[in-house]
Amino acid sequence: MNRQQTTVRDRERLDAYLSPDTADVAEQSMRRLVVQLGIGLVVVVGIVGALAWFLRDPLTAVSQTFVARFGLKGVFTGVLLTDTFALTHEPLLLAAHAGGLAFWPVFATASVASVTAGPVGWLLGAILGRAAFVQRMFARYRIDSFLHRYGVWAIAVAAITPFPYSVATWASGAAGVSFKTVMLGSLFRVPKVLFYFLLIVGSWGLGVSL
């Protein structure tokens, strides 16, 4: 296939991304994310509170062992890995808090790790973007339209909502989104880490006091 044919095909794909139908899908997806965010907040409060009430002693013991062995380095490594590979880092924040680590060092460490996961995912996406399983993620989560229409805001949406952050960063690398765009969008992980950590600390304290 020559360069002219490739250019025509790329333009056709971009037109599809910018079509009204795609905008409707993006709007519907955003509404679902808002609903999922609300449900997720309730679930976090319920689970953390229940753990503090029913399993405070064993969970505290396990958390203290984790903190004694790995400390903030363990928090950083764990958050980096979970945010790079579509997992959740909230259990690590809970373990750090229940294990006795101070709030602000944990917040700073987790924030830096979470933001760092953005460019790491971008690099992996650039390397593995042609792999079949990455293409399946593209089809499942329909994030191409966000990446091509909204740039930084596409990453920001994934950074602060239940939408898989790592999927967005990997897809950005595979789609050729600039490193600067991914870094700027990834900074939105900082307020999310702060909000969820405050929620975890408050829920744990509530469960302990009951």
N, C-alpha and C. Protein backbone atom coordinates (compact mmCIF):
# COMPACT_ATOMS: atom_id res chain seq x y z
N MET A 1 0.86 -1.19 0.00
CA MET A 1 0.00 0.00 0.00
C MET A 1 0.89 1.24 0.00
N ASN A 2 0.68 2.18 -0.94
CA ASN A 2 1.53 3.36 -1.00
C ASN A 2 1.12 4.41 0.00
N ARG A 3 1.92 5.48 0.08
CA ARG A 3 1.69 6.50 1.10
C ARG A 3 0.38 7.23 0.88
N GLN A 4 0.01 7.48 -0.39
CA GLN A 4 -1.23 8.19 -0.66
C GLN A 4 -2.44 7.39 -0.17
N GLN A 5 -2.43 6.08 -0.43
CA GLN A 5 -3.53 5.23 0.02
C GLN A 5 -3.61 5.21 1.55
N THR A 6 -2.45 5.16 2.19
CA THR A 6 -2.43 5.17 3.66
C THR A 6 -3.00 6.46 4.21
N THR A 7 -2.64 7.59 3.57
CA THR A 7 -3.16 8.89 4.02
C THR A 7 -4.66 8.96 3.89
N VAL A 8 -5.20 8.48 2.77
CA VAL A 8 -6.64 8.48 2.57
C VAL A 8 -7.33 7.64 3.63
N ARG A 9 -6.78 6.48 3.91
CA ARG A 9 -7.37 5.60 4.92
C ARG A 9 -7.35 6.27 6.29
N ASP A 10 -6.23 6.93 6.64
CA ASP A 10 -6.14 7.60 7.93
C ASP A 10 -7.15 8.73 8.03
N ARG A 11 -7.38 9.45 6.94
CA ARG A 11 -8.37 10.52 6.97
C ARG A 11 -9.77 9.97 7.15
N GLU A 12 -10.05 8.84 6.52
CA GLU A 12 -11.36 8.22 6.67
C GLU A 12 -11.58 7.78 8.11
N ARG A 13 -10.54 7.23 8.73
CA ARG A 13 -10.66 6.82 10.13
C ARG A 13 -10.89 8.03 11.03
N LEU A 14 -10.15 9.14 10.76
CA LEU A 14 -10.33 10.34 11.57
C LEU A 14 -11.73 10.91 11.41
N ASP A 15 -12.27 10.89 10.19
CA ASP A 15 -13.64 11.36 9.97
C ASP A 15 -14.62 10.53 10.78
N ALA A 16 -14.36 9.23 10.88
CA ALA A 16 -15.25 8.36 11.65
C ALA A 16 -15.18 8.71 13.14
N TYR A 17 -13.96 9.02 13.61
CA TYR A 17 -13.81 9.38 15.01
C TYR A 17 -14.58 10.65 15.35
N LEU A 18 -14.64 11.58 14.39
CA LEU A 18 -15.24 12.88 14.63
C LEU A 18 -16.70 12.95 14.24
N SER A 19 -17.29 11.85 13.89
CA SER A 19 -18.68 11.83 13.44
C SER A 19 -19.63 12.06 14.60
N PRO A 20 -20.86 12.57 14.32
CA PRO A 20 -21.84 12.75 15.39
C PRO A 20 -22.15 11.47 16.15
N ASP A 21 -22.16 10.34 15.43
CA ASP A 21 -22.44 9.07 16.10
C ASP A 21 -21.42 8.80 17.18
N THR A 22 -20.15 9.06 16.88
CA THR A 22 -19.10 8.85 17.87
C THR A 22 -19.26 9.80 19.05
N ALA A 23 -19.66 11.04 18.78
CA ALA A 23 -19.89 11.99 19.86
C ALA A 23 -21.00 11.51 20.77
N ASP A 24 -22.05 10.92 20.18
CA ASP A 24 -23.15 10.40 20.99
C ASP A 24 -22.67 9.26 21.88
N VAL A 25 -21.86 8.39 21.30
CA VAL A 25 -21.31 7.28 22.08
C VAL A 25 -20.46 7.80 23.23
N ALA A 26 -19.64 8.83 22.96
CA ALA A 26 -18.79 9.40 24.00
C ALA A 26 -19.63 10.01 25.12
N GLU A 27 -20.72 10.70 24.75
CA GLU A 27 -21.58 11.30 25.76
C GLU A 27 -22.25 10.23 26.62
N GLN A 28 -22.72 9.17 25.98
CA GLN A 28 -23.34 8.08 26.73
C GLN A 28 -22.33 7.41 27.65
N SER A 29 -21.11 7.26 27.15
CA SER A 29 -20.06 6.64 27.97
C SER A 29 -19.75 7.51 29.19
N MET A 30 -19.76 8.83 28.99
CA MET A 30 -19.48 9.72 30.11
C MET A 30 -20.56 9.61 31.18
N ARG A 31 -21.81 9.53 30.76
CA ARG A 31 -22.89 9.39 31.73
C ARG A 31 -22.73 8.10 32.52
N ARG A 32 -22.35 7.02 31.83
CA ARG A 32 -22.15 5.75 32.53
C ARG A 32 -21.00 5.86 33.53
N LEU A 33 -19.95 6.58 33.15
CA LEU A 33 -18.82 6.73 34.05
C LEU A 33 -19.20 7.50 35.30
N VAL A 34 -20.05 8.52 35.15
CA VAL A 34 -20.49 9.29 36.32
C VAL A 34 -21.28 8.40 37.27
N VAL A 35 -22.17 7.58 36.70
CA VAL A 35 -22.95 6.65 37.52
C VAL A 35 -22.03 5.66 38.21
N GLN A 36 -21.07 5.12 37.48
CA GLN A 36 -20.14 4.16 38.05
C GLN A 36 -19.29 4.80 39.14
N LEU A 37 -18.95 6.08 38.95
CA LEU A 37 -18.17 6.78 39.96
C LEU A 37 -18.94 6.88 41.27
N GLY A 38 -20.21 7.24 41.16
CA GLY A 38 -21.04 7.32 42.36
C GLY A 38 -21.16 5.98 43.07
N ILE A 39 -21.39 4.94 42.30
CA ILE A 39 -21.49 3.60 42.88
C ILE A 39 -20.17 3.20 43.52
N GLY A 40 -19.07 3.51 42.82
CA GLY A 40 -17.76 3.15 43.34
C GLY A 40 -17.45 3.82 44.66
N LEU A 41 -17.86 5.07 44.82
CA LEU A 41 -17.62 5.77 46.08
C LEU A 41 -18.36 5.10 47.23
N VAL A 42 -19.60 4.73 46.97
CA VAL A 42 -20.39 4.04 47.99
C VAL A 42 -19.75 2.71 48.36
N VAL A 43 -19.28 1.99 47.35
CA VAL A 43 -18.65 0.69 47.59
C VAL A 43 -17.37 0.84 48.42
N VAL A 44 -16.55 1.84 48.10
CA VAL A 44 -15.31 2.05 48.85
C VAL A 44 -15.62 2.34 50.31
N VAL A 45 -16.55 3.24 50.55
CA VAL A 45 -16.91 3.58 51.93
C VAL A 45 -17.43 2.34 52.67
N GLY A 46 -18.30 1.58 52.00
CA GLY A 46 -18.88 0.39 52.63
C GLY A 46 -17.85 -0.67 52.95
N ILE A 47 -16.97 -0.96 51.99
CA ILE A 47 -15.98 -2.02 52.20
C ILE A 47 -14.97 -1.63 53.26
N VAL A 48 -14.43 -0.42 53.15
CA VAL A 48 -13.41 0.01 54.13
C VAL A 48 -14.01 0.08 55.53
N GLY A 49 -15.22 0.64 55.64
CA GLY A 49 -15.87 0.70 56.94
C GLY A 49 -16.12 -0.68 57.53
N ALA A 50 -16.57 -1.60 56.68
CA ALA A 50 -16.83 -2.96 57.15
C ALA A 50 -15.55 -3.66 57.59
N LEU A 51 -14.47 -3.45 56.83
CA LEU A 51 -13.18 -4.06 57.21
C LEU A 51 -12.70 -3.52 58.55
N ALA A 52 -12.86 -2.21 58.74
CA ALA A 52 -12.43 -1.61 60.01
C ALA A 52 -13.27 -2.12 61.18
N TRP A 53 -14.52 -2.40 60.93
CA TRP A 53 -15.42 -2.84 61.99
C TRP A 53 -15.23 -4.32 62.33
N PHE A 54 -15.17 -5.17 61.29
CA PHE A 54 -15.15 -6.62 61.51
C PHE A 54 -13.75 -7.22 61.56
N LEU A 55 -12.81 -6.63 60.79
CA LEU A 55 -11.49 -7.26 60.63
C LEU A 55 -10.36 -6.30 60.98
N ARG A 56 -10.62 -5.38 61.88
CA ARG A 56 -9.62 -4.35 62.18
C ARG A 56 -8.31 -4.95 62.65
N ASP A 57 -8.35 -5.85 63.61
CA ASP A 57 -7.11 -6.37 64.19
C ASP A 57 -6.28 -7.17 63.21
N PRO A 58 -6.86 -8.19 62.52
CA PRO A 58 -6.03 -8.94 61.57
C PRO A 58 -5.55 -8.08 60.40
N LEU A 59 -6.40 -7.16 59.93
CA LEU A 59 -5.98 -6.32 58.81
C LEU A 59 -4.88 -5.35 59.24
N THR A 60 -4.99 -4.84 60.46
CA THR A 60 -3.94 -3.96 60.97
C THR A 60 -2.62 -4.71 61.10
N ALA A 61 -2.68 -5.96 61.55
CA ALA A 61 -1.46 -6.75 61.70
C ALA A 61 -0.80 -7.00 60.35
N VAL A 62 -1.60 -7.37 59.35
CA VAL A 62 -1.06 -7.60 58.01
C VAL A 62 -0.47 -6.31 57.44
N SER A 63 -1.17 -5.20 57.64
CA SER A 63 -0.72 -3.91 57.13
C SER A 63 0.57 -3.48 57.78
N GLN A 64 0.69 -3.71 59.08
CA GLN A 64 1.92 -3.35 59.78
C GLN A 64 3.10 -4.17 59.28
N THR A 65 2.84 -5.44 58.97
CA THR A 65 3.89 -6.28 58.40
C THR A 65 4.33 -5.76 57.04
N PHE A 66 3.36 -5.36 56.22
CA PHE A 66 3.67 -4.79 54.90
C PHE A 66 4.50 -3.52 55.04
N VAL A 67 4.08 -2.64 55.94
CA VAL A 67 4.78 -1.37 56.13
C VAL A 67 6.19 -1.61 56.67
N ALA A 68 6.33 -2.52 57.62
CA ALA A 68 7.64 -2.80 58.20
C ALA A 68 8.60 -3.36 57.16
N ARG A 69 8.08 -4.16 56.26
CA ARG A 69 8.96 -4.81 55.28
C ARG A 69 9.24 -3.94 54.06
N PHE A 70 8.22 -3.23 53.58
CA PHE A 70 8.37 -2.52 52.30
C PHE A 70 8.29 -1.00 52.42
N GLY A 71 7.57 -0.47 53.40
CA GLY A 71 7.49 0.97 53.60
C GLY A 71 6.94 1.71 52.38
N LEU A 72 7.40 2.95 52.22
CA LEU A 72 6.94 3.78 51.11
C LEU A 72 7.40 3.24 49.76
N LYS A 73 8.53 2.53 49.74
CA LYS A 73 8.98 1.92 48.49
C LYS A 73 7.96 0.90 48.00
N GLY A 74 7.39 0.16 48.93
CA GLY A 74 6.36 -0.81 48.55
C GLY A 74 5.11 -0.13 48.04
N VAL A 75 4.75 1.00 48.66
CA VAL A 75 3.60 1.76 48.18
C VAL A 75 3.85 2.26 46.76
N PHE A 76 5.03 2.82 46.53
CA PHE A 76 5.35 3.34 45.19
C PHE A 76 5.32 2.24 44.15
N THR A 77 6.00 1.14 44.43
CA THR A 77 6.06 0.04 43.46
C THR A 77 4.68 -0.55 43.21
N GLY A 78 3.91 -0.74 44.28
CA GLY A 78 2.59 -1.32 44.13
C GLY A 78 1.66 -0.44 43.32
N VAL A 79 1.65 0.86 43.61
CA VAL A 79 0.78 1.78 42.87
C VAL A 79 1.22 1.87 41.42
N LEU A 80 2.51 1.93 41.17
CA LEU A 80 3.00 1.99 39.80
C LEU A 80 2.54 0.78 39.00
N LEU A 81 2.67 -0.40 39.58
CA LEU A 81 2.28 -1.63 38.88
C LEU A 81 0.77 -1.71 38.67
N THR A 82 0.01 -1.40 39.71
CA THR A 82 -1.45 -1.52 39.57
C THR A 82 -2.00 -0.50 38.58
N ASP A 83 -1.47 0.71 38.58
CA ASP A 83 -1.98 1.73 37.67
C ASP A 83 -1.46 1.55 36.25
N THR A 84 -0.40 0.78 36.08
CA THR A 84 0.09 0.49 34.74
C THR A 84 -0.67 -0.67 34.11
N PHE A 85 -1.16 -1.59 34.94
CA PHE A 85 -1.75 -2.82 34.40
C PHE A 85 -3.22 -3.01 34.79
N ALA A 86 -3.98 -1.93 34.80
CA ALA A 86 -5.45 -1.99 34.92
C ALA A 86 -5.94 -2.66 36.20
N LEU A 87 -5.23 -2.44 37.30
CA LEU A 87 -5.67 -2.92 38.60
C LEU A 87 -6.05 -1.71 39.45
N THR A 88 -6.33 -1.91 40.72
CA THR A 88 -6.71 -0.80 41.58
C THR A 88 -5.75 -0.67 42.74
N HIS A 89 -5.36 0.57 43.06
CA HIS A 89 -4.35 0.76 44.11
C HIS A 89 -4.95 1.10 45.47
N GLU A 90 -6.27 1.21 45.58
CA GLU A 90 -6.89 1.58 46.85
C GLU A 90 -6.53 0.63 48.01
N PRO A 91 -6.44 -0.70 47.78
CA PRO A 91 -6.02 -1.58 48.88
C PRO A 91 -4.64 -1.24 49.42
N LEU A 92 -3.75 -0.77 48.56
CA LEU A 92 -2.42 -0.36 49.02
C LEU A 92 -2.49 0.88 49.90
N LEU A 93 -3.36 1.82 49.53
CA LEU A 93 -3.53 3.01 50.36
C LEU A 93 -4.09 2.63 51.73
N LEU A 94 -5.04 1.71 51.73
CA LEU A 94 -5.61 1.25 53.00
C LEU A 94 -4.55 0.56 53.85
N ALA A 95 -3.74 -0.29 53.23
CA ALA A 95 -2.70 -0.99 53.97
C ALA A 95 -1.68 -0.01 54.55
N ALA A 96 -1.33 1.00 53.76
CA ALA A 96 -0.37 2.00 54.23
C ALA A 96 -0.92 2.76 55.43
N HIS A 97 -2.20 3.13 55.35
CA HIS A 97 -2.81 3.87 56.46
C HIS A 97 -2.98 2.98 57.69
N ALA A 98 -3.54 1.80 57.50
CA ALA A 98 -3.76 0.89 58.63
C ALA A 98 -2.44 0.43 59.23
N GLY A 99 -1.38 0.42 58.41
CA GLY A 99 -0.08 0.00 58.91
C GLY A 99 0.69 1.07 59.64
N GLY A 100 0.13 2.29 59.69
CA GLY A 100 0.75 3.33 60.50
C GLY A 100 1.55 4.38 59.77
N LEU A 101 1.59 4.35 58.43
CA LEU A 101 2.32 5.38 57.71
C LEU A 101 1.55 6.70 57.75
N ALA A 102 2.28 7.80 57.77
CA ALA A 102 1.67 9.13 57.84
C ALA A 102 0.95 9.46 56.54
N PHE A 103 -0.07 10.30 56.64
CA PHE A 103 -0.93 10.59 55.49
C PHE A 103 -0.18 11.23 54.33
N TRP A 104 0.53 12.33 54.58
CA TRP A 104 1.11 13.09 53.48
C TRP A 104 2.23 12.35 52.75
N PRO A 105 3.13 11.64 53.44
CA PRO A 105 4.12 10.85 52.68
C PRO A 105 3.47 9.79 51.80
N VAL A 106 2.42 9.15 52.29
CA VAL A 106 1.74 8.14 51.48
C VAL A 106 1.08 8.80 50.28
N PHE A 107 0.40 9.91 50.50
CA PHE A 107 -0.25 10.62 49.40
C PHE A 107 0.76 11.04 48.34
N ALA A 108 1.89 11.63 48.77
CA ALA A 108 2.90 12.08 47.81
C ALA A 108 3.48 10.91 47.03
N THR A 109 3.80 9.83 47.74
CA THR A 109 4.38 8.66 47.09
C THR A 109 3.42 8.03 46.09
N ALA A 110 2.18 7.85 46.51
CA ALA A 110 1.18 7.25 45.64
C ALA A 110 0.88 8.14 44.44
N SER A 111 0.87 9.44 44.63
CA SER A 111 0.60 10.37 43.53
C SER A 111 1.70 10.30 42.47
N VAL A 112 2.95 10.35 42.92
CA VAL A 112 4.06 10.28 41.98
C VAL A 112 4.04 8.96 41.22
N ALA A 113 3.77 7.86 41.92
CA ALA A 113 3.72 6.55 41.27
C ALA A 113 2.58 6.49 40.26
N SER A 114 1.41 7.01 40.63
CA SER A 114 0.26 6.95 39.75
C SER A 114 0.47 7.79 38.49
N VAL A 115 1.04 8.98 38.67
CA VAL A 115 1.33 9.83 37.51
C VAL A 115 2.38 9.16 36.62
N THR A 116 3.40 8.55 37.24
CA THR A 116 4.46 7.87 36.48
C THR A 116 3.90 6.73 35.66
N ALA A 117 2.85 6.09 36.14
CA ALA A 117 2.23 4.99 35.39
C ALA A 117 1.72 5.44 34.03
N GLY A 118 1.40 6.74 33.91
CA GLY A 118 0.92 7.25 32.63
C GLY A 118 1.94 7.12 31.52
N PRO A 119 3.12 7.74 31.64
CA PRO A 119 4.13 7.58 30.59
C PRO A 119 4.65 6.15 30.45
N VAL A 120 4.65 5.37 31.55
CA VAL A 120 5.05 3.97 31.42
C VAL A 120 4.06 3.22 30.53
N GLY A 121 2.76 3.44 30.77
CA GLY A 121 1.75 2.82 29.93
C GLY A 121 1.83 3.30 28.49
N TRP A 122 2.12 4.59 28.32
CA TRP A 122 2.27 5.17 26.98
C TRP A 122 3.41 4.48 26.23
N LEU A 123 4.54 4.27 26.92
CA LEU A 123 5.68 3.61 26.29
C LEU A 123 5.34 2.17 25.93
N LEU A 124 4.69 1.45 26.84
CA LEU A 124 4.30 0.06 26.54
C LEU A 124 3.31 0.00 25.39
N GLY A 125 2.40 0.96 25.35
CA GLY A 125 1.45 0.99 24.24
C GLY A 125 2.13 1.24 22.92
N ALA A 126 3.13 2.12 22.92
CA ALA A 126 3.87 2.40 21.69
C ALA A 126 4.61 1.16 21.20
N ILE A 127 5.10 0.36 22.14
CA ILE A 127 5.84 -0.85 21.77
C ILE A 127 4.90 -1.97 21.35
N LEU A 128 3.80 -2.13 22.08
CA LEU A 128 2.93 -3.29 21.88
C LEU A 128 1.59 -2.93 21.22
N GLY A 129 1.51 -1.74 20.67
CA GLY A 129 0.23 -1.26 20.15
C GLY A 129 -0.37 -2.08 19.05
N ARG A 130 0.42 -2.85 18.35
CA ARG A 130 -0.10 -3.67 17.26
C ARG A 130 -0.54 -5.06 17.72
N ALA A 131 -0.34 -5.35 18.99
CA ALA A 131 -0.70 -6.68 19.49
C ALA A 131 -2.21 -6.86 19.51
N ALA A 132 -2.65 -8.10 19.33
CA ALA A 132 -4.08 -8.38 19.22
C ALA A 132 -4.84 -8.02 20.49
N PHE A 133 -4.25 -8.29 21.67
CA PHE A 133 -4.99 -8.03 22.90
C PHE A 133 -5.17 -6.53 23.14
N VAL A 134 -4.23 -5.70 22.66
CA VAL A 134 -4.39 -4.26 22.76
C VAL A 134 -5.53 -3.80 21.86
N GLN A 135 -5.59 -4.36 20.66
CA GLN A 135 -6.68 -4.01 19.75
C GLN A 135 -8.03 -4.41 20.32
N ARG A 136 -8.07 -5.53 21.06
CA ARG A 136 -9.33 -5.93 21.68
C ARG A 136 -9.75 -4.93 22.76
N MET A 137 -8.78 -4.40 23.51
CA MET A 137 -9.11 -3.39 24.50
C MET A 137 -9.65 -2.13 23.83
N PHE A 138 -9.07 -1.76 22.69
CA PHE A 138 -9.58 -0.60 21.94
C PHE A 138 -11.05 -0.80 21.63
N ALA A 139 -11.37 -1.97 21.10
CA ALA A 139 -12.75 -2.24 20.70
C ALA A 139 -13.69 -2.29 21.89
N ARG A 140 -13.22 -2.83 23.00
CA ARG A 140 -14.09 -2.99 24.17
C ARG A 140 -14.44 -1.66 24.81
N TYR A 141 -13.44 -0.79 24.99
CA TYR A 141 -13.66 0.43 25.75
C TYR A 141 -13.94 1.67 24.89
N ARG A 142 -13.77 1.56 23.57
CA ARG A 142 -14.12 2.65 22.64
C ARG A 142 -13.44 3.97 23.01
N ILE A 143 -12.16 3.92 23.27
CA ILE A 143 -11.49 5.13 23.71
C ILE A 143 -10.84 5.91 22.59
N ASP A 144 -10.85 5.38 21.37
CA ASP A 144 -10.20 6.07 20.26
C ASP A 144 -10.79 7.46 20.04
N SER A 145 -12.11 7.57 20.16
CA SER A 145 -12.75 8.86 19.92
C SER A 145 -12.30 9.90 20.92
N PHE A 146 -12.15 9.50 22.19
CA PHE A 146 -11.65 10.43 23.20
C PHE A 146 -10.24 10.89 22.85
N LEU A 147 -9.40 9.96 22.45
CA LEU A 147 -8.01 10.29 22.17
C LEU A 147 -7.89 11.26 21.01
N HIS A 148 -8.67 11.05 19.95
CA HIS A 148 -8.55 11.87 18.76
C HIS A 148 -9.32 13.19 18.87
N ARG A 149 -10.34 13.23 19.69
CA ARG A 149 -11.13 14.46 19.82
C ARG A 149 -10.64 15.36 20.94
N TYR A 150 -10.24 14.76 22.07
CA TYR A 150 -10.05 15.54 23.28
C TYR A 150 -8.63 15.61 23.81
N GLY A 151 -7.72 14.80 23.31
CA GLY A 151 -6.32 14.91 23.71
C GLY A 151 -6.11 14.76 25.21
N VAL A 152 -5.61 15.84 25.84
CA VAL A 152 -5.34 15.83 27.27
C VAL A 152 -6.57 15.44 28.07
N TRP A 153 -7.73 15.95 27.66
CA TRP A 153 -8.95 15.69 28.42
C TRP A 153 -9.37 14.24 28.34
N ALA A 154 -9.00 13.56 27.28
CA ALA A 154 -9.28 12.13 27.19
C ALA A 154 -8.53 11.37 28.27
N ILE A 155 -7.26 11.72 28.46
CA ILE A 155 -6.46 11.09 29.51
C ILE A 155 -6.98 11.50 30.88
N ALA A 156 -7.37 12.77 31.01
CA ALA A 156 -7.86 13.27 32.29
C ALA A 156 -9.13 12.54 32.71
N VAL A 157 -10.03 12.28 31.75
CA VAL A 157 -11.26 11.54 32.06
C VAL A 157 -10.92 10.18 32.63
N ALA A 158 -9.98 9.49 31.99
CA ALA A 158 -9.58 8.17 32.49
C ALA A 158 -8.86 8.28 33.83
N ALA A 159 -8.18 9.40 34.06
CA ALA A 159 -7.40 9.55 35.28
C ALA A 159 -8.27 9.76 36.51
N ILE A 160 -9.46 10.34 36.34
CA ILE A 160 -10.26 10.70 37.51
C ILE A 160 -11.57 9.93 37.63
N THR A 161 -11.89 9.10 36.65
CA THR A 161 -13.13 8.34 36.68
C THR A 161 -12.83 6.85 36.75
N PRO A 162 -13.87 6.00 36.88
CA PRO A 162 -13.63 4.56 36.89
C PRO A 162 -13.13 3.98 35.56
N PHE A 163 -13.13 4.79 34.50
CA PHE A 163 -12.59 4.31 33.23
C PHE A 163 -11.15 3.87 33.44
N PRO A 164 -10.75 2.72 32.90
CA PRO A 164 -9.39 2.21 33.16
C PRO A 164 -8.31 3.16 32.67
N TYR A 165 -7.61 3.75 33.60
CA TYR A 165 -6.54 4.70 33.31
C TYR A 165 -5.46 4.07 32.44
N SER A 166 -5.07 2.86 32.77
CA SER A 166 -4.00 2.21 32.01
C SER A 166 -4.41 1.93 30.57
N VAL A 167 -5.68 1.64 30.35
CA VAL A 167 -6.14 1.41 28.98
C VAL A 167 -5.95 2.68 28.15
N ALA A 168 -6.28 3.83 28.75
CA ALA A 168 -6.14 5.10 28.04
C ALA A 168 -4.68 5.41 27.74
N THR A 169 -3.79 5.15 28.69
CA THR A 169 -2.38 5.47 28.47
C THR A 169 -1.74 4.52 27.47
N TRP A 170 -2.06 3.24 27.56
CA TRP A 170 -1.56 2.29 26.57
C TRP A 170 -2.07 2.65 25.17
N ALA A 171 -3.36 2.95 25.08
CA ALA A 171 -3.95 3.28 23.78
C ALA A 171 -3.34 4.56 23.23
N SER A 172 -3.01 5.50 24.10
CA SER A 172 -2.38 6.75 23.66
C SER A 172 -1.03 6.47 23.01
N GLY A 173 -0.27 5.58 23.62
CA GLY A 173 1.00 5.20 23.01
C GLY A 173 0.81 4.51 21.68
N ALA A 174 -0.15 3.61 21.62
CA ALA A 174 -0.41 2.88 20.37
C ALA A 174 -0.93 3.79 19.28
N ALA A 175 -1.70 4.84 19.68
CA ALA A 175 -2.30 5.74 18.70
C ALA A 175 -1.38 6.90 18.32
N GLY A 176 -0.22 6.99 18.94
CA GLY A 176 0.72 8.05 18.59
C GLY A 176 0.43 9.38 19.25
N VAL A 177 -0.34 9.38 20.34
CA VAL A 177 -0.57 10.61 21.10
C VAL A 177 0.76 11.06 21.71
N SER A 178 1.00 12.36 21.77
CA SER A 178 2.29 12.87 22.22
C SER A 178 2.52 12.58 23.70
N PHE A 179 3.79 12.47 24.06
CA PHE A 179 4.18 12.25 25.44
C PHE A 179 3.70 13.38 26.33
N LYS A 180 3.80 14.63 25.86
CA LYS A 180 3.37 15.78 26.63
C LYS A 180 1.89 15.70 26.97
N THR A 181 1.08 15.28 26.00
CA THR A 181 -0.36 15.15 26.23
C THR A 181 -0.65 14.15 27.33
N VAL A 182 0.02 13.01 27.27
CA VAL A 182 -0.20 11.97 28.28
C VAL A 182 0.26 12.44 29.65
N MET A 183 1.38 13.14 29.72
CA MET A 183 1.87 13.62 31.01
C MET A 183 0.91 14.63 31.63
N LEU A 184 0.41 15.56 30.82
CA LEU A 184 -0.52 16.57 31.33
C LEU A 184 -1.81 15.91 31.83
N GLY A 185 -2.31 14.96 31.05
CA GLY A 185 -3.53 14.26 31.47
C GLY A 185 -3.31 13.43 32.71
N SER A 186 -2.13 12.85 32.84
CA SER A 186 -1.83 11.99 33.97
C SER A 186 -1.76 12.76 35.29
N LEU A 187 -1.51 14.05 35.23
CA LEU A 187 -1.45 14.86 36.45
C LEU A 187 -2.79 14.88 37.18
N PHE A 188 -3.85 14.56 36.48
CA PHE A 188 -5.16 14.52 37.13
C PHE A 188 -5.27 13.33 38.09
N ARG A 189 -4.30 12.45 38.07
CA ARG A 189 -4.29 11.37 39.05
C ARG A 189 -4.06 11.91 40.46
N VAL A 190 -3.39 13.03 40.58
CA VAL A 190 -3.07 13.58 41.91
C VAL A 190 -4.33 13.89 42.71
N PRO A 191 -5.28 14.69 42.17
CA PRO A 191 -6.50 14.92 42.96
C PRO A 191 -7.31 13.66 43.20
N LYS A 192 -7.26 12.69 42.26
CA LYS A 192 -7.99 11.46 42.49
C LYS A 192 -7.38 10.68 43.65
N VAL A 193 -6.06 10.56 43.68
CA VAL A 193 -5.41 9.87 44.79
C VAL A 193 -5.74 10.55 46.11
N LEU A 194 -5.70 11.88 46.13
CA LEU A 194 -6.00 12.62 47.35
C LEU A 194 -7.44 12.35 47.80
N PHE A 195 -8.38 12.42 46.87
CA PHE A 195 -9.78 12.24 47.22
C PHE A 195 -10.04 10.84 47.77
N TYR A 196 -9.54 9.83 47.08
CA TYR A 196 -9.79 8.46 47.51
C TYR A 196 -9.05 8.13 48.80
N PHE A 197 -7.87 8.69 48.98
CA PHE A 197 -7.15 8.43 50.22
C PHE A 197 -7.88 9.06 51.41
N LEU A 198 -8.39 10.28 51.22
CA LEU A 198 -9.19 10.90 52.27
C LEU A 198 -10.43 10.06 52.56
N LEU A 199 -11.04 9.54 51.50
CA LEU A 199 -12.23 8.71 51.67
C LEU A 199 -11.90 7.44 52.46
N ILE A 200 -10.76 6.82 52.13
CA ILE A 200 -10.35 5.60 52.82
C ILE A 200 -10.05 5.88 54.29
N VAL A 201 -9.32 6.96 54.54
CA VAL A 201 -8.97 7.30 55.93
C VAL A 201 -10.23 7.59 56.73
N GLY A 202 -11.15 8.35 56.14
CA GLY A 202 -12.40 8.67 56.84
C GLY A 202 -13.25 7.44 57.08
N SER A 203 -13.35 6.56 56.09
CA SER A 203 -14.16 5.36 56.22
C SER A 203 -13.56 4.40 57.26
N TRP A 204 -12.23 4.30 57.26
CA TRP A 204 -11.57 3.46 58.26
C TRP A 204 -11.81 4.00 59.66
N GLY A 205 -11.68 5.30 59.81
CA GLY A 205 -11.92 5.90 61.11
C GLY A 205 -13.35 5.72 61.57
N LEU A 206 -14.28 5.82 60.64
CA LEU A 206 -15.70 5.63 60.97
C LEU A 206 -15.95 4.20 61.43
N GLY A 207 -15.37 3.24 60.70
CA GLY A 207 -15.57 1.84 61.06
C GLY A 207 -14.95 1.50 62.41
N VAL A 208 -13.80 2.09 62.71
CA VAL A 208 -13.14 1.85 63.99
C VAL A 208 -13.97 2.41 65.14
N SER A 209 -14.60 3.57 64.90
CA SER A 209 -15.31 4.24 65.98
C SER A 209 -16.67 3.63 66.28
N LEU A 210 -17.18 2.79 65.36
CA LEU A 210 -18.52 2.20 65.58
C LEU A 210 -18.50 1.13 66.66
